[in-house]
PDB file of N, CA and C in Angstrom:
ATOM      1  N   MET A   1     -28.577  16.938 -22.647  1.00  0.00           N
ATOM      2  CA  MET A   1     -28.580  15.506 -22.725  1.00  0.00           C
ATOM      3  C   MET A   1     -28.690  15.078 -24.175  1.00  0.00           C
ATOM      4  N   ALA A   2     -27.994  14.005 -24.553  1.00  0.00           N
ATOM      5  CA  ALA A   2     -27.996  13.559 -25.948  1.00  0.00           C
ATOM      6  C   ALA A   2     -29.294  12.844 -26.263  1.00  0.00           C
ATOM      7  N   SER A   3     -29.711  13.006 -27.478  1.00  0.00           N
ATOM      8  CA  SER A   3     -30.938  12.337 -27.901  1.00  0.00           C
ATOM      9  C   SER A   3     -30.672  10.852 -28.090  1.00  0.00           C
ATOM     10  N   PRO A   4     -31.677  10.005 -27.962  1.00  0.00           N
ATOM     11  CA  PRO A   4     -31.490   8.575 -28.125  1.00  0.00           C
ATOM     12  C   PRO A   4     -30.991   8.224 -29.522  1.00  0.00           C
ATOM     13  N   ASN A   5     -31.354   8.986 -30.516  1.00  0.00           N
ATOM     14  CA  ASN A   5     -30.912   8.674 -31.878  1.00  0.00           C
ATOM     15  C   ASN A   5     -29.460   9.087 -32.099  1.00  0.00           C
ATOM     16  N   GLY A   6     -29.001  10.167 -31.480  1.00  0.00           N
ATOM     17  CA  GLY A   6     -27.644  10.668 -31.706  1.00  0.00           C
ATOM     18  C   GLY A   6     -26.626  10.114 -30.732  1.00  0.00           C
ATOM     19  N   GLY A   7     -26.973   9.144 -29.886  1.00  0.00           N
ATOM     20  CA  GLY A   7     -26.063   8.585 -28.887  1.00  0.00           C
ATOM     21  C   GLY A   7     -24.891   7.852 -29.503  1.00  0.00           C
ATOM     22  N   ASP A   8     -25.122   7.157 -30.617  1.00  0.00           N
ATOM     23  CA  ASP A   8     -24.044   6.415 -31.271  1.00  0.00           C
ATOM     24  C   ASP A   8     -23.017   7.362 -31.860  1.00  0.00           C
ATOM     25  N   ASP A   9     -23.492   8.478 -32.423  1.00  0.00           N
ATOM     26  CA  ASP A   9     -22.569   9.457 -32.997  1.00  0.00           C
ATOM     27  C   ASP A   9     -21.691  10.072 -31.915  1.00  0.00           C
ATOM     28  N   PHE A  10     -22.285  10.327 -30.769  1.00  0.00           N
ATOM     29  CA  PHE A  10     -21.537  10.934 -29.668  1.00  0.00           C
ATOM     30  C   PHE A  10     -20.454   9.985 -29.179  1.00  0.00           C
ATOM     31  N   GLU A  11     -20.801   8.694 -28.994  1.00  0.00           N
ATOM     32  CA  GLU A  11     -19.823   7.710 -28.521  1.00  0.00           C
ATOM     33  C   GLU A  11     -18.720   7.496 -29.539  1.00  0.00           C
ATOM     34  N   SER A  12     -19.037   7.462 -30.797  1.00  0.00           N
ATOM     35  CA  SER A  12     -18.013   7.265 -31.824  1.00  0.00           C
ATOM     36  C   SER A  12     -17.101   8.480 -31.920  1.00  0.00           C
ATOM     37  N   SER A  13     -17.599   9.658 -31.565  1.00  0.00           N
ATOM     38  CA  SER A  13     -16.736  10.841 -31.601  1.00  0.00           C
ATOM     39  C   SER A  13     -15.724  10.827 -30.461  1.00  0.00           C
ATOM     40  N   LEU A  14     -15.976  10.036 -29.431  1.00  0.00           N
ATOM     41  CA  LEU A  14     -15.046   9.948 -28.302  1.00  0.00           C
ATOM     42  C   LEU A  14     -13.926   8.946 -28.545  1.00  0.00           C
ATOM     43  N   LEU A  15     -14.056   8.081 -29.519  1.00  0.00           N
ATOM     44  CA  LEU A  15     -13.046   7.076 -29.795  1.00  0.00           C
ATOM     45  C   LEU A  15     -11.777   7.722 -30.340  1.00  0.00           C
ATOM     46  N   SER A  16     -10.639   7.170 -29.946  1.00  0.00           N
ATOM     47  CA  SER A  16      -9.356   7.657 -30.438  1.00  0.00           C
ATOM     48  C   SER A  16      -8.629   6.486 -31.090  1.00  0.00           C
ATOM     49  N   PHE A  17      -8.082   6.721 -32.245  1.00  0.00           N
ATOM     50  CA  PHE A  17      -7.360   5.674 -32.965  1.00  0.00           C
ATOM     51  C   PHE A  17      -5.860   5.915 -32.914  1.00  0.00           C
ATOM     52  N   GLU A  18      -5.428   6.686 -31.929  1.00  0.00           N
ATOM     53  CA  GLU A  18      -4.009   7.002 -31.781  1.00  0.00           C
ATOM     54  C   GLU A  18      -3.260   5.752 -31.323  1.00  0.00           C
ATOM     55  N   LYS A  19      -2.116   5.491 -31.936  1.00  0.00           N
ATOM     56  CA  LYS A  19      -1.276   4.355 -31.575  1.00  0.00           C
ATOM     57  C   LYS A  19      -0.237   4.842 -30.565  1.00  0.00           C
ATOM     58  N   LEU A  20      -0.225   4.225 -29.390  1.00  0.00           N
ATOM     59  CA  LEU A  20       0.742   4.585 -28.363  1.00  0.00           C
ATOM     60  C   LEU A  20       1.851   3.554 -28.327  1.00  0.00           C
ATOM     61  N   ASP A  21       3.075   4.054 -28.332  1.00  0.00           N
ATOM     62  CA  ASP A  21       4.228   3.164 -28.267  1.00  0.00           C
ATOM     63  C   ASP A  21       4.494   2.831 -26.806  1.00  0.00           C
ATOM     64  N   ARG A  22       4.043   1.676 -26.368  1.00  0.00           N
ATOM     65  CA  ARG A  22       4.178   1.307 -24.959  1.00  0.00           C
ATOM     66  C   ARG A  22       5.594   0.866 -24.610  1.00  0.00           C
ATOM     67  N   ALA A  23       6.478   0.720 -25.567  1.00  0.00           N
ATOM     68  CA  ALA A  23       7.842   0.324 -25.280  1.00  0.00           C
ATOM     69  C   ALA A  23       8.687   1.506 -24.828  1.00  0.00           C
ATOM     70  N   SER A  24       8.201   2.701 -24.969  1.00  0.00           N
ATOM     71  CA  SER A  24       8.977   3.884 -24.632  1.00  0.00           C
ATOM     72  C   SER A  24       9.033   4.079 -23.121  1.00  0.00           C
ATOM     73  N   PRO A  25      10.251   4.136 -22.529  1.00  0.00           N
ATOM     74  CA  PRO A  25      10.346   4.371 -21.090  1.00  0.00           C
ATOM     75  C   PRO A  25       9.939   5.799 -20.713  1.00  0.00           C
ATOM     76  N   ASP A  26       9.968   6.720 -21.680  1.00  0.00           N
ATOM     77  CA  ASP A  26       9.554   8.085 -21.383  1.00  0.00           C
ATOM     78  C   ASP A  26       8.040   8.177 -21.249  1.00  0.00           C
ATOM     79  N   LEU A  27       7.319   7.458 -22.114  1.00  0.00           N
ATOM     80  CA  LEU A  27       5.870   7.501 -22.050  1.00  0.00           C
ATOM     81  C   LEU A  27       5.305   6.641 -20.928  1.00  0.00           C
ATOM     82  N   TRP A  28       5.930   5.487 -20.701  1.00  0.00           N
ATOM     83  CA  TRP A  28       5.436   4.551 -19.706  1.00  0.00           C
ATOM     84  C   TRP A  28       6.580   4.156 -18.775  1.00  0.00           C
ATOM     85  N   PRO A  29       6.979   5.045 -17.871  1.00  0.00           N
ATOM     86  CA  PRO A  29       8.093   4.704 -16.983  1.00  0.00           C
ATOM     87  C   PRO A  29       7.709   3.589 -16.011  1.00  0.00           C
ATOM     88  N   GLU A  30       8.717   2.851 -15.585  1.00  0.00           N
ATOM     89  CA  GLU A  30       8.482   1.777 -14.618  1.00  0.00           C
ATOM     90  C   GLU A  30       8.133   2.422 -13.277  1.00  0.00           C
ATOM     91  N   GLN A  31       6.955   2.110 -12.735  1.00  0.00           N
ATOM     92  CA  GLN A  31       6.502   2.759 -11.513  1.00  0.00           C
ATOM     93  C   GLN A  31       7.301   2.318 -10.290  1.00  0.00           C
ATOM     94  N   LEU A  32       7.630   1.059 -10.211  1.00  0.00           N
ATOM     95  CA  LEU A  32       8.432   0.551  -9.105  1.00  0.00           C
ATOM     96  C   LEU A  32       9.700  -0.067  -9.680  1.00  0.00           C
ATOM     97  N   PRO A  33      10.859   0.488  -9.382  1.00  0.00           N
ATOM     98  CA  PRO A  33      12.106  -0.054  -9.941  1.00  0.00           C
ATOM     99  C   PRO A  33      12.299  -1.519  -9.563  1.00  0.00           C
ATOM    100  N   GLY A  34      12.657  -2.322 -10.535  1.00  0.00           N
ATOM    101  CA  GLY A  34      12.933  -3.729 -10.311  1.00  0.00           C
ATOM    102  C   GLY A  34      11.754  -4.653 -10.509  1.00  0.00           C
ATOM    103  N   VAL A  35      10.543  -4.105 -10.651  1.00  0.00           N
ATOM    104  CA  VAL A  35       9.362  -4.950 -10.794  1.00  0.00           C
ATOM    105  C   VAL A  35       9.394  -5.711 -12.118  1.00  0.00           C
ATOM    106  N   ALA A  36       9.827  -5.044 -13.172  1.00  0.00           N
ATOM    107  CA  ALA A  36       9.868  -5.706 -14.486  1.00  0.00           C
ATOM    108  C   ALA A  36      10.845  -6.886 -14.466  1.00  0.00           C
ATOM    109  N   GLU A  37      12.006  -6.707 -13.829  1.00  0.00           N
ATOM    110  CA  GLU A  37      12.980  -7.799 -13.746  1.00  0.00           C
ATOM    111  C   GLU A  37      12.424  -8.954 -12.910  1.00  0.00           C
ATOM    112  N   PHE A  38      11.758  -8.612 -11.811  1.00  0.00           N
ATOM    113  CA  PHE A  38      11.175  -9.653 -10.958  1.00  0.00           C
ATOM    114  C   PHE A  38      10.095 -10.417 -11.698  1.00  0.00           C
ATOM    115  N   ALA A  39       9.246  -9.699 -12.420  1.00  0.00           N
ATOM    116  CA  ALA A  39       8.170 -10.347 -13.167  1.00  0.00           C
ATOM    117  C   ALA A  39       8.745 -11.258 -14.246  1.00  0.00           C
ATOM    118  N   ALA A  40       9.832 -10.814 -14.888  1.00  0.00           N
ATOM    119  CA  ALA A  40      10.455 -11.643 -15.917  1.00  0.00           C
ATOM    120  C   ALA A  40      11.046 -12.915 -15.309  1.00  0.00           C
ATOM    121  N   SER A  41      11.582 -12.812 -14.092  1.00  0.00           N
ATOM    122  CA  SER A  41      12.169 -13.996 -13.463  1.00  0.00           C
ATOM    123  C   SER A  41      11.094 -14.968 -12.986  1.00  0.00           C
ATOM    124  N   CYS A  42       9.877 -14.483 -12.760  1.00  0.00           N
ATOM    125  CA  CYS A  42       8.792 -15.347 -12.286  1.00  0.00           C
ATOM    126  C   CYS A  42       8.012 -16.004 -13.412  1.00  0.00           C
ATOM    127  N   LYS A  43       8.281 -15.632 -14.648  1.00  0.00           N
ATOM    128  CA  LYS A  43       7.526 -16.215 -15.760  1.00  0.00           C
ATOM    129  C   LYS A  43       7.782 -17.707 -15.883  1.00  0.00           C
ATOM    130  N   ASN A  44       9.005 -18.134 -15.623  1.00  0.00           N
ATOM    131  CA  ASN A  44       9.335 -19.547 -15.705  1.00  0.00           C
ATOM    132  C   ASN A  44       9.778 -20.003 -14.315  1.00  0.00           C
ATOM    133  N   PRO A  45       8.834 -20.367 -13.435  1.00  0.00           N
ATOM    134  CA  PRO A  45       9.202 -20.709 -12.065  1.00  0.00           C
ATOM    135  C   PRO A  45       9.960 -22.025 -11.939  1.00  0.00           C
ATOM    136  N   ILE A  46       9.861 -22.904 -12.917  1.00  0.00           N
ATOM    137  CA  ILE A  46      10.532 -24.194 -12.844  1.00  0.00           C
ATOM    138  C   ILE A  46      11.894 -24.075 -13.522  1.00  0.00           C
ATOM    139  N   THR A  47      12.934 -24.097 -12.704  1.00  0.00           N
ATOM    140  CA  THR A  47      14.296 -24.041 -13.220  1.00  0.00           C
ATOM    141  C   THR A  47      15.099 -25.181 -12.615  1.00  0.00           C
ATOM    142  N   ASN A  48      16.159 -25.540 -13.288  1.00  0.00           N
ATOM    143  CA  ASN A  48      17.005 -26.616 -12.801  1.00  0.00           C
ATOM    144  C   ASN A  48      17.999 -26.136 -11.754  1.00  0.00           C
ATOM    145  N   SER A  49      18.396 -24.875 -11.827  1.00  0.00           N
ATOM    146  CA  SER A  49      19.388 -24.377 -10.880  1.00  0.00           C
ATOM    147  C   SER A  49      18.700 -23.605  -9.750  1.00  0.00           C
ATOM    148  N   PRO A  50      19.249 -23.712  -8.531  1.00  0.00           N
ATOM    149  CA  PRO A  50      18.656 -22.975  -7.407  1.00  0.00           C
ATOM    150  C   PRO A  50      18.948 -21.480  -7.543  1.00  0.00           C
ATOM    151  N   PRO A  51      18.200 -20.639  -6.832  1.00  0.00           N
ATOM    152  CA  PRO A  51      18.476 -19.207  -6.879  1.00  0.00           C
ATOM    153  C   PRO A  51      19.878 -18.897  -6.363  1.00  0.00           C
ATOM    154  N   LYS A  52      20.388 -17.723  -6.716  1.00  0.00           N
ATOM    155  CA  LYS A  52      21.754 -17.338  -6.339  1.00  0.00           C
ATOM    156  C   LYS A  52      21.942 -17.358  -4.827  1.00  0.00           C
ATOM    157  N   TRP A  53      20.952 -16.855  -4.083  1.00  0.00           N
ATOM    158  CA  TRP A  53      21.113 -16.774  -2.628  1.00  0.00           C
ATOM    159  C   TRP A  53      21.114 -18.143  -1.986  1.00  0.00           C
ATOM    160  N   MET A  54      20.508 -19.119  -2.646  1.00  0.00           N
ATOM    161  CA  MET A  54      20.410 -20.445  -2.058  1.00  0.00           C
ATOM    162  C   MET A  54      21.607 -21.321  -2.418  1.00  0.00           C
ATOM    163  N   ALA A  55      22.389 -20.921  -3.410  1.00  0.00           N
ATOM    164  CA  ALA A  55      23.507 -21.735  -3.867  1.00  0.00           C
ATOM    165  C   ALA A  55      24.593 -21.850  -2.802  1.00  0.00           C
ATOM    166  N   GLU A  56      24.728 -20.825  -1.946  1.00  0.00           N
ATOM    167  CA  GLU A  56      25.793 -20.820  -0.947  1.00  0.00           C
ATOM    168  C   GLU A  56      25.374 -21.466   0.370  1.00  0.00           C
ATOM    169  N   LEU A  57      24.119 -21.884   0.496  1.00  0.00           N
ATOM    170  CA  LEU A  57      23.642 -22.474   1.743  1.00  0.00           C
ATOM    171  C   LEU A  57      24.074 -23.931   1.863  1.00  0.00           C
ATOM    172  N   GLU A  58      24.400 -24.304   3.085  1.00  0.00           N
ATOM    173  CA  GLU A  58      24.726 -25.690   3.361  1.00  0.00           C
ATOM    174  C   GLU A  58      23.469 -26.417   3.836  1.00  0.00           C
ATOM    175  N   THR A  59      23.551 -27.716   3.987  1.00  0.00           N
ATOM    176  CA  THR A  59      22.401 -28.517   4.391  1.00  0.00           C
ATOM    177  C   THR A  59      21.868 -28.077   5.752  1.00  0.00           C
ATOM    178  N   GLU A  60      22.777 -27.766   6.685  1.00  0.00           N
ATOM    179  CA  GLU A  60      22.352 -27.326   8.018  1.00  0.00           C
ATOM    180  C   GLU A  60      21.564 -26.020   7.936  1.00  0.00           C
ATOM    181  N   ASP A  61      22.014 -25.114   7.057  1.00  0.00           N
ATOM    182  CA  ASP A  61      21.327 -23.832   6.897  1.00  0.00           C
ATOM    183  C   ASP A  61      19.907 -24.039   6.365  1.00  0.00           C
ATOM    184  N   ILE A  62      19.765 -24.920   5.406  1.00  0.00           N
ATOM    185  CA  ILE A  62      18.451 -25.190   4.818  1.00  0.00           C
ATOM    186  C   ILE A  62      17.526 -25.812   5.854  1.00  0.00           C
ATOM    187  N   GLU A  63      18.064 -26.726   6.671  1.00  0.00           N
ATOM    188  CA  GLU A  63      17.256 -27.335   7.723  1.00  0.00           C
ATOM    189  C   GLU A  63      16.796 -26.285   8.730  1.00  0.00           C
ATOM    190  N   MET A  64      17.686 -25.338   9.070  1.00  0.00           N
ATOM    191  CA  MET A  64      17.305 -24.287  10.014  1.00  0.00           C
ATOM    192  C   MET A  64      16.231 -23.387   9.411  1.00  0.00           C
ATOM    193  N   LEU A  65      16.337 -23.081   8.120  1.00  0.00           N
ATOM    194  CA  LEU A  65      15.313 -22.275   7.460  1.00  0.00           C
ATOM    195  C   LEU A  65      13.962 -22.981   7.482  1.00  0.00           C
ATOM    196  N   LYS A  66      13.971 -24.279   7.233  1.00  0.00           N
ATOM    197  CA  LYS A  66      12.720 -25.040   7.275  1.00  0.00           C
ATOM    198  C   LYS A  66      12.131 -25.039   8.672  1.00  0.00           C
ATOM    199  N   GLU A  67      13.007 -25.193   9.687  1.00  0.00           N
ATOM    200  CA  GLU A  67      12.535 -25.190  11.074  1.00  0.00           C
ATOM    201  C   GLU A  67      11.930 -23.835  11.436  1.00  0.00           C
ATOM    202  N   LEU A  68      12.617 -22.749  11.089  1.00  0.00           N
ATOM    203  CA  LEU A  68      12.108 -21.412  11.402  1.00  0.00           C
ATOM    204  C   LEU A  68      10.832 -21.113  10.623  1.00  0.00           C
ATOM    205  N   GLY A  69      10.735 -21.617   9.395  1.00  0.00           N
ATOM    206  CA  GLY A  69       9.549 -21.394   8.589  1.00  0.00           C
ATOM    207  C   GLY A  69       8.323 -22.118   9.111  1.00  0.00           C
ATOM    208  N   SER A  70       8.544 -23.191   9.860  1.00  0.00           N
ATOM    209  CA  SER A  70       7.407 -23.952  10.382  1.00  0.00           C
ATOM    210  C   SER A  70       6.896 -23.402  11.716  1.00  0.00           C
ATOM    211  N   LEU A  71       7.604 -22.436  12.309  1.00  0.00           N
ATOM    212  CA  LEU A  71       7.182 -21.888  13.602  1.00  0.00           C
ATOM    213  C   LEU A  71       6.012 -20.929  13.445  1.00  0.00           C
ATOM    214  N   THR A  72       5.190 -20.868  14.475  1.00  0.00           N
ATOM    215  CA  THR A  72       4.127 -19.864  14.493  1.00  0.00           C
ATOM    216  C   THR A  72       4.750 -18.513  14.829  1.00  0.00           C
ATOM    217  N   THR A  73       3.962 -17.460  14.702  1.00  0.00           N
ATOM    218  CA  THR A  73       4.479 -16.124  14.974  1.00  0.00           C
ATOM    219  C   THR A  73       4.957 -16.006  16.419  1.00  0.00           C
ATOM    220  N   ALA A  74       4.180 -16.515  17.338  1.00  0.00           N
ATOM    221  CA  ALA A  74       4.560 -16.444  18.755  1.00  0.00           C
ATOM    222  C   ALA A  74       5.835 -17.233  19.026  1.00  0.00           C
ATOM    223  N   ASN A  75       5.942 -18.433  18.438  1.00  0.00           N
ATOM    224  CA  ASN A  75       7.140 -19.244  18.631  1.00  0.00           C
ATOM    225  C   ASN A  75       8.363 -18.588  17.995  1.00  0.00           C
ATOM    226  N   LEU A  76       8.168 -17.949  16.850  1.00  0.00           N
ATOM    227  CA  LEU A  76       9.275 -17.264  16.195  1.00  0.00           C
ATOM    228  C   LEU A  76       9.754 -16.086  17.038  1.00  0.00           C
ATOM    229  N   MET A  77       8.821 -15.340  17.616  1.00  0.00           N
ATOM    230  CA  MET A  77       9.193 -14.224  18.486  1.00  0.00           C
ATOM    231  C   MET A  77       9.939 -14.725  19.727  1.00  0.00           C
ATOM    232  N   GLU A  78       9.512 -15.860  20.255  1.00  0.00           N
ATOM    233  CA  GLU A  78      10.196 -16.447  21.404  1.00  0.00           C
ATOM    234  C   GLU A  78      11.615 -16.856  21.032  1.00  0.00           C
ATOM    235  N   LYS A  79      11.768 -17.404  19.841  1.00  0.00           N
ATOM    236  CA  LYS A  79      13.095 -17.805  19.364  1.00  0.00           C
ATOM    237  C   LYS A  79      13.997 -16.582  19.205  1.00  0.00           C
ATOM    238  N   VAL A  80      13.453 -15.490  18.660  1.00  0.00           N
ATOM    239  CA  VAL A  80      14.234 -14.259  18.486  1.00  0.00           C
ATOM    240  C   VAL A  80      14.638 -13.692  19.839  1.00  0.00           C
ATOM    241  N   LYS A  81      13.726 -13.694  20.802  1.00  0.00           N
ATOM    242  CA  LYS A  81      14.054 -13.206  22.149  1.00  0.00           C
ATOM    243  C   LYS A  81      15.161 -14.055  22.768  1.00  0.00           C
ATOM    244  N   GLY A  82      15.096 -15.361  22.555  1.00  0.00           N
ATOM    245  CA  GLY A  82      16.145 -16.248  23.060  1.00  0.00           C
ATOM    246  C   GLY A  82      17.497 -15.925  22.443  1.00  0.00           C
ATOM    247  N   LEU A  83      17.510 -15.638  21.143  1.00  0.00           N
ATOM    248  CA  LEU A  83      18.764 -15.268  20.477  1.00  0.00           C
ATOM    249  C   LEU A  83      19.289 -13.935  20.986  1.00  0.00           C
ATOM    250  N   GLN A  84      18.385 -12.985  21.251  1.00  0.00           N
ATOM    251  CA  GLN A  84      18.804 -11.698  21.806  1.00  0.00           C
ATOM    252  C   GLN A  84      19.416 -11.884  23.193  1.00  0.00           C
ATOM    253  N   ASN A  85      18.790 -12.712  24.021  1.00  0.00           N
ATOM    254  CA  ASN A  85      19.334 -12.979  25.351  1.00  0.00           C
ATOM    255  C   ASN A  85      20.690 -13.667  25.267  1.00  0.00           C
ATOM    256  N   LEU A  86      20.829 -14.586  24.342  1.00  0.00           N
ATOM    257  CA  LEU A  86      22.099 -15.290  24.156  1.00  0.00           C
ATOM    258  C   LEU A  86      23.194 -14.309  23.724  1.00  0.00           C
ATOM    259  N   ALA A  87      22.854 -13.398  22.817  1.00  0.00           N
ATOM    260  CA  ALA A  87      23.824 -12.399  22.371  1.00  0.00           C
ATOM    261  C   ALA A  87      24.214 -11.477  23.521  1.00  0.00           C
ATOM    262  N   TYR A  88      23.256 -11.114  24.360  1.00  0.00           N
ATOM    263  CA  TYR A  88      23.541 -10.255  25.515  1.00  0.00           C
ATOM    264  C   TYR A  88      24.476 -10.973  26.485  1.00  0.00           C
ATOM    265  N   GLN A  89      24.190 -12.246  26.780  1.00  0.00           N
ATOM    266  CA  GLN A  89      25.044 -13.016  27.678  1.00  0.00           C
ATOM    267  C   GLN A  89      26.455 -13.153  27.127  1.00  0.00           C
ATOM    268  N   LEU A  90      26.555 -13.365  25.819  1.00  0.00           N
ATOM    269  CA  LEU A  90      27.866 -13.468  25.185  1.00  0.00           C
ATOM    270  C   LEU A  90      28.632 -12.151  25.329  1.00  0.00           C
ATOM    271  N   GLY A  91      27.928 -11.035  25.180  1.00  0.00           N
ATOM    272  CA  GLY A  91      28.563  -9.727  25.350  1.00  0.00           C
ATOM    273  C   GLY A  91      29.057  -9.525  26.773  1.00  0.00           C
ATOM    274  N   LEU A  92      28.261  -9.965  27.771  1.00  0.00           N
ATOM    275  CA  LEU A  92      28.698  -9.856  29.165  1.00  0.00           C
ATOM    276  C   LEU A  92      29.939 -10.705  29.422  1.00  0.00           C
ATOM    277  N   GLU A  93      29.946 -11.925  28.911  1.00  0.00           N
ATOM    278  CA  GLU A  93      31.108 -12.803  29.087  1.00  0.00           C
ATOM    279  C   GLU A  93      32.343 -12.207  28.424  1.00  0.00           C
ATOM    280  N   GLU A  94      32.176 -11.646  27.243  1.00  0.00           N
ATOM    281  CA  GLU A  94      33.304 -11.047  26.536  1.00  0.00           C
ATOM    282  C   GLU A  94      33.834  -9.835  27.301  1.00  0.00           C
ATOM    283  N   CYS A  95      32.929  -9.031  27.855  1.00  0.00           N
ATOM    284  CA  CYS A  95      33.324  -7.868  28.640  1.00  0.00           C
ATOM    285  C   CYS A  95      34.104  -8.300  29.883  1.00  0.00           C
ATOM    286  N   GLU A  96      33.608  -9.334  30.555  1.00  0.00           N
ATOM    287  CA  GLU A  96      34.287  -9.842  31.748  1.00  0.00           C
ATOM    288  C   GLU A  96      35.670 -10.379  31.391  1.00  0.00           C
ATOM    289  N   TYR A  97      35.765 -11.090  30.294  1.00  0.00           N
ATOM    290  CA  TYR A  97      37.048 -11.632  29.851  1.00  0.00           C
ATOM    291  C   TYR A  97      38.034 -10.507  29.552  1.00  0.00           C
ATOM    292  N   MET A  98      37.564  -9.467  28.854  1.00  0.00           N
ATOM    293  CA  MET A  98      38.444  -8.358  28.505  1.00  0.00           C
ATOM    294  C   MET A  98      38.888  -7.606  29.762  1.00  0.00           C
ATOM    295  N   ASN A  99      38.010  -7.452  30.744  1.00  0.00           N
ATOM    296  CA  ASN A  99      38.373  -6.761  31.979  1.00  0.00           C
ATOM    297  C   ASN A  99      39.378  -7.558  32.800  1.00  0.00           C
ATOM    298  N   ASN A 100      39.271  -8.884  32.761  1.00  0.00           N
ATOM    299  CA  ASN A 100      40.187  -9.718  33.538  1.00  0.00           C
ATOM    300  C   ASN A 100      41.550  -9.877  32.869  1.00  0.00           C
ATOM    301  N   THR A 101      41.606  -9.816  31.557  1.00  0.00           N
ATOM    302  CA  THR A 101      42.874 -10.051  30.869  1.00  0.00           C
ATOM    303  C   THR A 101      43.597  -8.771  30.500  1.00  0.00           C
ATOM    304  N   TYR A 102      42.941  -7.651  30.532  1.00  0.00           N
ATOM    305  CA  TYR A 102      43.569  -6.396  30.144  1.00  0.00           C
ATOM    306  C   TYR A 102      44.413  -5.859  31.300  1.00  0.00           C
ATOM    307  N   THR A 103      45.681  -5.607  31.045  1.00  0.00           N
ATOM    308  CA  THR A 103      46.571  -5.025  32.043  1.00  0.00           C
ATOM    309  C   THR A 103      47.048  -3.687  31.508  1.00  0.00           C
ATOM    310  N   PRO A 104      46.685  -2.611  32.184  1.00  0.00           N
ATOM    311  CA  PRO A 104      47.134  -1.304  31.686  1.00  0.00           C
ATOM    312  C   PRO A 104      48.651  -1.170  31.819  1.00  0.00           C
ATOM    313  N   ILE A 105      49.253  -0.567  30.839  1.00  0.00           N
ATOM    314  CA  ILE A 105      50.698  -0.366  30.839  1.00  0.00           C
ATOM    315  C   ILE A 105      50.982   0.952  31.557  1.00  0.00           C
ATOM    316  N   THR A 106      51.764   0.874  32.601  1.00  0.00           N
ATOM    317  CA  THR A 106      52.125   2.077  33.351  1.00  0.00           C
ATOM    318  C   THR A 106      53.601   2.375  33.137  1.00  0.00           C
ATOM    319  N   THR A 107      54.048   3.498  33.657  1.00  0.00           N
ATOM    320  CA  THR A 107      55.467   3.862  33.507  1.00  0.00           C
ATOM    321  C   THR A 107      56.362   2.880  34.241  1.00  0.00           C
ATOM    322  N   GLU A 108      55.849   2.279  35.319  1.00  0.00           N
ATOM    323  CA  GLU A 108      56.649   1.286  36.040  1.00  0.00           C
ATOM    324  C   GLU A 108      56.897   0.062  35.172  1.00  0.00           C
ATOM    325  N   HIS A 109      55.861  -0.374  34.454  1.00  0.00           N
ATOM    326  CA  HIS A 109      56.015  -1.522  33.567  1.00  0.00           C
ATOM    327  C   HIS A 109      57.012  -1.217  32.461  1.00  0.00           C
ATOM    328  N   LEU A 110      56.927  -0.016  31.913  1.00  0.00           N
ATOM    329  CA  LEU A 110      57.832   0.360  30.830  1.00  0.00           C
ATOM    330  C   LEU A 110      59.268   0.460  31.307  1.00  0.00           C
ATOM    331  N   SER A 111      59.490   1.080  32.458  1.00  0.00           N
ATOM    332  CA  SER A 111      60.858   1.254  32.943  1.00  0.00           C
ATOM    333  C   SER A 111      61.486  -0.092  33.292  1.00  0.00           C
ATOM    334  N   SER A 112      60.699  -0.995  33.860  1.00  0.00           N
ATOM    335  CA  SER A 112      61.265  -2.306  34.196  1.00  0.00           C
ATOM    336  C   SER A 112      61.494  -3.134  32.936  1.00  0.00           C
ATOM    337  N   ALA A 113      60.694  -2.917  31.910  1.00  0.00           N
ATOM    338  CA  ALA A 113      60.877  -3.676  30.674  1.00  0.00           C
ATOM    339  C   ALA A 113      62.075  -3.172  29.879  1.00  0.00           C
ATOM    340  N   LEU A 114      62.363  -1.892  29.979  1.00  0.00           N
ATOM    341  CA  LEU A 114      63.466  -1.308  29.210  1.00  0.00           C
ATOM    342  C   LEU A 114      64.801  -1.397  29.963  1.00  0.00           C
ATOM    343  N   MET A 115      64.770  -1.706  31.234  1.00  0.00           N
ATOM    344  CA  MET A 115      65.994  -1.751  32.053  1.00  0.00           C
ATOM    345  C   MET A 115      66.768  -3.032  31.753  1.00  0.00           C
ATOM    346  N   PRO A 116      68.075  -2.921  31.624  1.00  0.00           N
ATOM    347  CA  PRO A 116      68.882  -4.120  31.399  1.00  0.00           C
ATOM    348  C   PRO A 116      68.812  -5.056  32.601  1.00  0.00           C
ATOM    349  N   PRO A 117      68.972  -6.360  32.384  1.00  0.00           N
ATOM    350  CA  PRO A 117      68.891  -7.309  33.470  1.00  0.00           C
ATOM    351  C   PRO A 117      69.979  -7.027  34.522  1.00  0.00           C
ATOM    352  N   GLY A 118      69.599  -7.092  35.757  1.00  0.00           N
ATOM    353  CA  GLY A 118      70.537  -6.905  36.859  1.00  0.00           C
ATOM    354  C   GLY A 118      70.750  -5.449  37.231  1.00  0.00           C
ATOM    355  N   ALA A 119      70.132  -4.503  36.556  1.00  0.00           N
ATOM    356  CA  ALA A 119      70.327  -3.100  36.867  1.00  0.00           C
ATOM    357  C   ALA A 119      69.457  -2.718  38.063  1.00  0.00           C
ATOM    358  N   ASP A 120      69.879  -1.678  38.772  1.00  0.00           N
ATOM    359  CA  ASP A 120      69.158  -1.221  39.958  1.00  0.00           C
ATOM    360  C   ASP A 120      68.027  -0.298  39.529  1.00  0.00           C
ATOM    361  N   PRO A 121      66.740  -0.605  39.874  1.00  0.00           N
ATOM    362  CA  PRO A 121      65.626   0.231  39.451  1.00  0.00           C
ATOM    363  C   PRO A 121      65.602   1.586  40.133  1.00  0.00           C
ATOM    364  N   GLY A 122      66.248   1.778  41.188  1.00  0.00           N
ATOM    365  CA  GLY A 122      66.142   3.026  41.953  1.00  0.00           C
ATOM    366  C   GLY A 122      67.164   3.975  41.583  1.00  0.00           C
TER     367      GLY A 122
END
C-alpha cells in the first residue's frame, strides 16, 4: 500500500501526456455504420426543406400517417388485421376471377381455329 506522503507521486506517475489523433478511422473506427451521418443531420433540426422521404408524399398520405400515428397499439394492431383480411379477400376474389375467365386451350380449340371457314372438321 502506498504511503500517505507518496500518494501524489504515484498518481502523477500514472498520467499520460500522449496525444491521440481522434480523427483517424483506424484508431477510432465508427462502431455503428451511419451513426456519424445521422448525428450530423440532427445537429440542425430546423430546416426549410422537408426530408427526402417526405417530399414525395401527397396530402392524403400525410393525413393517413397522422391518423395511424394517433392510434393506440391495440387500435393499430386491429387496423393491421383489417388490412390483412382485406388483402386475403382480394386474393380470393382475384383467384375466383382467374378461374372463371381462364379457358384452357385444347387440341379441339386449335384445330377449329386453324381450319379454314366452311371446311369439314371430321
